[in-house]
PDB file of N, CA and C in Angstrom:
ATOM      1  N   MET A   1      27.690  78.234 145.954  1.00  0.00           N
ATOM      2  CA  MET A   1      27.877  77.910 144.567  1.00  0.00           C
ATOM      3  C   MET A   1      29.049  76.925 144.406  1.00  0.00           C
ATOM      4  N   GLU A   2      30.095  77.171 145.184  1.00  0.00           N
ATOM      5  CA  GLU A   2      31.272  76.309 145.101  1.00  0.00           C
ATOM      6  C   GLU A   2      30.939  74.877 145.527  1.00  0.00           C
ATOM      7  N   ARG A   3      30.193  74.731 146.606  1.00  0.00           N
ATOM      8  CA  ARG A   3      29.816  73.394 147.074  1.00  0.00           C
ATOM      9  C   ARG A   3      28.940  72.681 146.060  1.00  0.00           C
ATOM     10  N   LEU A   4      28.048  73.419 145.422  1.00  0.00           N
ATOM     11  CA  LEU A   4      27.188  72.848 144.390  1.00  0.00           C
ATOM     12  C   LEU A   4      28.033  72.254 143.271  1.00  0.00           C
ATOM     13  N   MET A   5      28.997  73.022 142.792  1.00  0.00           N
ATOM     14  CA  MET A   5      29.824  72.571 141.677  1.00  0.00           C
ATOM     15  C   MET A   5      30.743  71.417 142.082  1.00  0.00           C
ATOM     16  N   PHE A   6      31.349  71.488 143.262  1.00  0.00           N
ATOM     17  CA  PHE A   6      32.234  70.413 143.703  1.00  0.00           C
ATOM     18  C   PHE A   6      31.478  69.106 143.907  1.00  0.00           C
ATOM     19  N   SER A   7      30.320  69.166 144.528  1.00  0.00           N
ATOM     20  CA  SER A   7      29.575  67.932 144.777  1.00  0.00           C
ATOM     21  C   SER A   7      29.055  67.326 143.477  1.00  0.00           C
ATOM     22  N   ALA A   8      28.658  68.153 142.541  1.00  0.00           N
ATOM     23  CA  ALA A   8      28.202  67.636 141.245  1.00  0.00           C
ATOM     24  C   ALA A   8      29.370  67.043 140.467  1.00  0.00           C
ATOM     25  N   ALA A   9      30.539  67.641 140.570  1.00  0.00           N
ATOM     26  CA  ALA A   9      31.713  67.119 139.866  1.00  0.00           C
ATOM     27  C   ALA A   9      32.104  65.740 140.381  1.00  0.00           C
ATOM     28  N   ALA A  10      31.827  65.473 141.644  1.00  0.00           N
ATOM     29  CA  ALA A  10      32.118  64.155 142.211  1.00  0.00           C
ATOM     30  C   ALA A  10      31.149  63.088 141.715  1.00  0.00           C
ATOM     31  N   ARG A  11      30.030  63.498 141.136  1.00  0.00           N
ATOM     32  CA  ARG A  11      28.986  62.558 140.728  1.00  0.00           C
ATOM     33  C   ARG A  11      28.806  62.452 139.213  1.00  0.00           C
ATOM     34  N   ASP A  12      29.423  63.352 138.456  1.00  0.00           N
ATOM     35  CA  ASP A  12      29.186  63.393 137.011  1.00  0.00           C
ATOM     36  C   ASP A  12      30.505  63.642 136.279  1.00  0.00           C
ATOM     37  N   ALA A  13      30.793  62.807 135.295  1.00  0.00           N
ATOM     38  CA  ALA A  13      32.075  62.892 134.582  1.00  0.00           C
ATOM     39  C   ALA A  13      32.229  64.199 133.798  1.00  0.00           C
ATOM     40  N   SER A  14      31.170  64.654 133.152  1.00  0.00           N
ATOM     41  CA  SER A  14      31.308  65.875 132.352  1.00  0.00           C
ATOM     42  C   SER A  14      31.525  67.092 133.251  1.00  0.00           C
ATOM     43  N   LEU A  15      30.878  67.115 134.412  1.00  0.00           N
ATOM     44  CA  LEU A  15      31.123  68.215 135.349  1.00  0.00           C
ATOM     45  C   LEU A  15      32.498  68.099 136.004  1.00  0.00           C
ATOM     46  N   ALA A  16      33.002  66.883 136.134  1.00  0.00           N
ATOM     47  CA  ALA A  16      34.360  66.710 136.639  1.00  0.00           C
ATOM     48  C   ALA A  16      35.373  67.282 135.648  1.00  0.00           C
ATOM     49  N   ARG A  17      35.139  67.060 134.355  1.00  0.00           N
ATOM     50  CA  ARG A  17      36.011  67.644 133.341  1.00  0.00           C
ATOM     51  C   ARG A  17      35.930  69.169 133.370  1.00  0.00           C
ATOM     52  N   HIS A  18      34.727  69.678 133.541  1.00  0.00           N
ATOM     53  CA  HIS A  18      34.518  71.123 133.615  1.00  0.00           C
ATOM     54  C   HIS A  18      35.273  71.700 134.822  1.00  0.00           C
ATOM     55  N   MET A  19      35.204  71.009 135.942  1.00  0.00           N
ATOM     56  CA  MET A  19      35.925  71.434 137.148  1.00  0.00           C
ATOM     57  C   MET A  19      37.430  71.377 136.905  1.00  0.00           C
ATOM     58  N   HIS A  20      37.890  70.355 136.206  1.00  0.00           N
ATOM     59  CA  HIS A  20      39.308  70.233 135.888  1.00  0.00           C
ATOM     60  C   HIS A  20      39.779  71.415 135.038  1.00  0.00           C
ATOM     61  N   LEU A  21      38.985  71.787 134.054  1.00  0.00           N
ATOM     62  CA  LEU A  21      39.347  72.930 133.212  1.00  0.00           C
ATOM     63  C   LEU A  21      39.478  74.205 134.033  1.00  0.00           C
ATOM     64  N   PHE A  22      38.582  74.385 134.977  1.00  0.00           N
ATOM     65  CA  PHE A  22      38.635  75.573 135.833  1.00  0.00           C
ATOM     66  C   PHE A  22      39.834  75.497 136.780  1.00  0.00           C
ATOM     67  N   GLY A  23      40.019  74.348 137.397  1.00  0.00           N
ATOM     68  CA  GLY A  23      41.131  74.183 138.330  1.00  0.00           C
ATOM     69  C   GLY A  23      42.484  74.309 137.655  1.00  0.00           C
ATOM     70  N   SER A  24      42.551  73.941 136.386  1.00  0.00           N
ATOM     71  CA  SER A  24      43.795  74.052 135.625  1.00  0.00           C
ATOM     72  C   SER A  24      43.964  75.448 135.025  1.00  0.00           C
ATOM     73  N   ARG A  25      43.015  76.303 135.299  1.00  0.00           N
ATOM     74  CA  ARG A  25      43.012  77.687 134.794  1.00  0.00           C
ATOM     75  C   ARG A  25      42.949  77.762 133.277  1.00  0.00           C
ATOM     76  N   LEU A  26      42.286  76.782 132.687  1.00  0.00           N
ATOM     77  CA  LEU A  26      42.086  76.797 131.243  1.00  0.00           C
ATOM     78  C   LEU A  26      40.826  77.564 130.865  1.00  0.00           C
ATOM     79  N   ILE A  27      39.905  77.707 131.835  1.00  0.00           N
ATOM     80  CA  ILE A  27      38.717  78.543 131.649  1.00  0.00           C
ATOM     81  C   ILE A  27      38.608  79.474 132.852  1.00  0.00           C
ATOM     82  N   GLY A  28      37.971  80.597 132.650  1.00  0.00           N
ATOM     83  CA  GLY A  28      37.819  81.572 133.722  1.00  0.00           C
ATOM     84  C   GLY A  28      36.548  81.355 134.517  1.00  0.00           C
ATOM     85  N   PRO A  29      36.334  82.162 135.548  1.00  0.00           N
ATOM     86  CA  PRO A  29      35.164  82.010 136.413  1.00  0.00           C
ATOM     87  C   PRO A  29      33.834  82.235 135.684  1.00  0.00           C
ATOM     88  N   LEU A  30      33.816  83.140 134.711  1.00  0.00           N
ATOM     89  CA  LEU A  30      32.558  83.385 133.994  1.00  0.00           C
ATOM     90  C   LEU A  30      32.120  82.165 133.197  1.00  0.00           C
ATOM     91  N   ARG A  31      33.060  81.509 132.553  1.00  0.00           N
ATOM     92  CA  ARG A  31      32.715  80.302 131.800  1.00  0.00           C
ATOM     93  C   ARG A  31      32.438  79.143 132.754  1.00  0.00           C
ATOM     94  N   PHE A  32      33.166  79.089 133.861  1.00  0.00           N
ATOM     95  CA  PHE A  32      32.962  78.018 134.835  1.00  0.00           C
ATOM     96  C   PHE A  32      31.560  78.072 135.437  1.00  0.00           C
ATOM     97  N   LEU A  33      31.101  79.258 135.767  1.00  0.00           N
ATOM     98  CA  LEU A  33      29.792  79.419 136.401  1.00  0.00           C
ATOM     99  C   LEU A  33      28.721  79.877 135.421  1.00  0.00           C
ATOM    100  N   ASN A  34      28.826  79.438 134.174  1.00  0.00           N
ATOM    101  CA  ASN A  34      27.793  79.814 133.215  1.00  0.00           C
ATOM    102  C   ASN A  34      26.482  79.133 133.592  1.00  0.00           C
ATOM    103  N   PRO A  35      25.351  79.687 133.189  1.00  0.00           N
ATOM    104  CA  PRO A  35      24.043  79.154 133.603  1.00  0.00           C
ATOM    105  C   PRO A  35      23.807  77.687 133.224  1.00  0.00           C
ATOM    106  N   VAL A  36      24.339  77.253 132.103  1.00  0.00           N
ATOM    107  CA  VAL A  36      24.154  75.854 131.692  1.00  0.00           C
ATOM    108  C   VAL A  36      24.872  74.915 132.656  1.00  0.00           C
ATOM    109  N   ALA A  37      26.105  75.243 133.015  1.00  0.00           N
ATOM    110  CA  ALA A  37      26.875  74.397 133.929  1.00  0.00           C
ATOM    111  C   ALA A  37      26.246  74.370 135.321  1.00  0.00           C
ATOM    112  N   VAL A  38      25.786  75.504 135.791  1.00  0.00           N
ATOM    113  CA  VAL A  38      25.164  75.566 137.121  1.00  0.00           C
ATOM    114  C   VAL A  38      23.852  74.781 137.131  1.00  0.00           C
ATOM    115  N   ALA A  39      23.062  74.894 136.077  1.00  0.00           N
ATOM    116  CA  ALA A  39      21.804  74.143 135.988  1.00  0.00           C
ATOM    117  C   ALA A  39      22.067  72.645 135.944  1.00  0.00           C
ATOM    118  N   LYS A  40      23.082  72.231 135.198  1.00  0.00           N
ATOM    119  CA  LYS A  40      23.419  70.811 135.145  1.00  0.00           C
ATOM    120  C   LYS A  40      23.886  70.312 136.499  1.00  0.00           C
ATOM    121  N   ALA A  41      24.693  71.111 137.196  1.00  0.00           N
ATOM    122  CA  ALA A  41      25.155  70.728 138.530  1.00  0.00           C
ATOM    123  C   ALA A  41      23.987  70.578 139.494  1.00  0.00           C
ATOM    124  N   ALA A  42      23.041  71.489 139.422  1.00  0.00           N
ATOM    125  CA  ALA A  42      21.860  71.392 140.287  1.00  0.00           C
ATOM    126  C   ALA A  42      21.061  70.136 139.967  1.00  0.00           C
ATOM    127  N   ALA A  43      20.892  69.829 138.693  1.00  0.00           N
ATOM    128  CA  ALA A  43      20.139  68.630 138.294  1.00  0.00           C
ATOM    129  C   ALA A  43      20.841  67.361 138.767  1.00  0.00           C
ATOM    130  N   VAL A  44      22.154  67.314 138.650  1.00  0.00           N
ATOM    131  CA  VAL A  44      22.907  66.138 139.109  1.00  0.00           C
ATOM    132  C   VAL A  44      22.736  65.951 140.608  1.00  0.00           C
ATOM    133  N   ASN A  45      22.830  67.024 141.361  1.00  0.00           N
ATOM    134  CA  ASN A  45      22.688  66.921 142.813  1.00  0.00           C
ATOM    135  C   ASN A  45      21.270  66.560 143.231  1.00  0.00           C
ATOM    136  N   ILE A  46      20.274  67.073 142.531  1.00  0.00           N
ATOM    137  CA  ILE A  46      18.880  66.720 142.842  1.00  0.00           C
ATOM    138  C   ILE A  46      18.644  65.248 142.571  1.00  0.00           C
ATOM    139  N   ARG A  47      19.142  64.762 141.427  1.00  0.00           N
ATOM    140  CA  ARG A  47      18.993  63.343 141.099  1.00  0.00           C
ATOM    141  C   ARG A  47      19.656  62.468 142.152  1.00  0.00           C
ATOM    142  N   HIS A  48      20.822  62.878 142.627  1.00  0.00           N
ATOM    143  CA  HIS A  48      21.526  62.114 143.657  1.00  0.00           C
ATOM    144  C   HIS A  48      20.734  62.097 144.963  1.00  0.00           C
ATOM    145  N   ARG A  49      20.164  63.225 145.329  1.00  0.00           N
ATOM    146  CA  ARG A  49      19.357  63.282 146.560  1.00  0.00           C
ATOM    147  C   ARG A  49      18.150  62.380 146.483  1.00  0.00           C
ATOM    148  N   ARG A  50      17.473  62.391 145.335  1.00  0.00           N
ATOM    149  CA  ARG A  50      16.290  61.539 145.177  1.00  0.00           C
ATOM    150  C   ARG A  50      16.655  60.065 145.239  1.00  0.00           C
ATOM    151  N   ALA A  51      17.786  59.696 144.667  1.00  0.00           N
ATOM    152  CA  ALA A  51      18.221  58.300 144.679  1.00  0.00           C
ATOM    153  C   ALA A  51      18.635  57.866 146.084  1.00  0.00           C
ATOM    154  N   ALA A  52      19.173  58.779 146.872  1.00  0.00           N
ATOM    155  CA  ALA A  52      19.651  58.450 148.208  1.00  0.00           C
ATOM    156  C   ALA A  52      18.543  58.511 149.262  1.00  0.00           C
ATOM    157  N   ALA A  53      17.427  59.133 148.935  1.00  0.00           N
ATOM    158  CA  ALA A  53      16.338  59.274 149.909  1.00  0.00           C
ATOM    159  C   ALA A  53      15.675  57.922 150.155  1.00  0.00           C
ATOM    160  N   PRO A  54      15.335  57.654 151.399  1.00  0.00           N
ATOM    161  CA  PRO A  54      14.655  56.396 151.692  1.00  0.00           C
ATOM    162  C   PRO A  54      13.252  56.404 151.084  1.00  0.00           C
ATOM    163  N   PRO A  55      12.770  55.233 150.703  1.00  0.00           N
ATOM    164  CA  PRO A  55      11.417  55.185 150.132  1.00  0.00           C
ATOM    165  C   PRO A  55      10.396  55.610 151.184  1.00  0.00           C
ATOM    166  N   PRO A  56       9.302  56.223 150.748  1.00  0.00           N
ATOM    167  CA  PRO A  56       8.291  56.675 151.714  1.00  0.00           C
ATOM    168  C   PRO A  56       7.679  55.480 152.440  1.00  0.00           C
ATOM    169  N   ALA A  57       7.426  55.674 153.707  1.00  0.00           N
ATOM    170  CA  ALA A  57       6.799  54.618 154.495  1.00  0.00           C
ATOM    171  C   ALA A  57       5.301  54.620 154.222  1.00  0.00           C
ATOM    172  N   HIS A  58       4.790  53.457 153.926  1.00  0.00           N
ATOM    173  CA  HIS A  58       3.357  53.338 153.675  1.00  0.00           C
ATOM    174  C   HIS A  58       2.697  52.845 154.953  1.00  0.00           C
ATOM    175  N   LEU A  59       1.799  53.624 155.446  1.00  0.00           N
ATOM    176  CA  LEU A  59       1.093  53.256 156.670  1.00  0.00           C
ATOM    177  C   LEU A  59      -0.197  52.560 156.286  1.00  0.00           C
ATOM    178  N   SER A  60      -0.372  51.384 156.807  1.00  0.00           N
ATOM    179  CA  SER A  60      -1.608  50.667 156.506  1.00  0.00           C
ATOM    180  C   SER A  60      -2.654  51.018 157.551  1.00  0.00           C
ATOM    181  N   ARG A  61      -3.887  51.018 157.151  1.00  0.00           N
ATOM    182  CA  ARG A  61      -4.981  51.356 158.075  1.00  0.00           C
ATOM    183  C   ARG A  61      -5.859  50.114 158.316  1.00  0.00           C
ATOM    184  N   THR A  62      -5.224  48.994 158.444  1.00  0.00           N
ATOM    185  CA  THR A  62      -5.983  47.767 158.711  1.00  0.00           C
ATOM    186  C   THR A  62      -6.232  47.654 160.201  1.00  0.00           C
ATOM    187  N   ARG A  63      -7.341  47.077 160.500  1.00  0.00           N
ATOM    188  CA  ARG A  63      -7.681  46.897 161.920  1.00  0.00           C
ATOM    189  C   ARG A  63      -7.303  45.508 162.353  1.00  0.00           C
ATOM    190  N   SER A  64      -6.806  45.385 163.569  1.00  0.00           N
ATOM    191  CA  SER A  64      -6.420  44.056 164.074  1.00  0.00           C
ATOM    192  C   SER A  64      -7.508  43.490 164.913  1.00  0.00           C
TER     193      SER A  64
END
């Protein structure tokens, strides 16, 4: 869970602010790991993975 939140905070400004609030002890663990924040972190990381993935190789079936 910690890696999910840290990696998403590195990629998204609003999650970085959320991480800052937790790190500064302005919010507690329950608010930090609320379902909305965790879902957003997962979505940010999934989007990053899809963008970083190489395009699928298209195999042609032409005869030489």
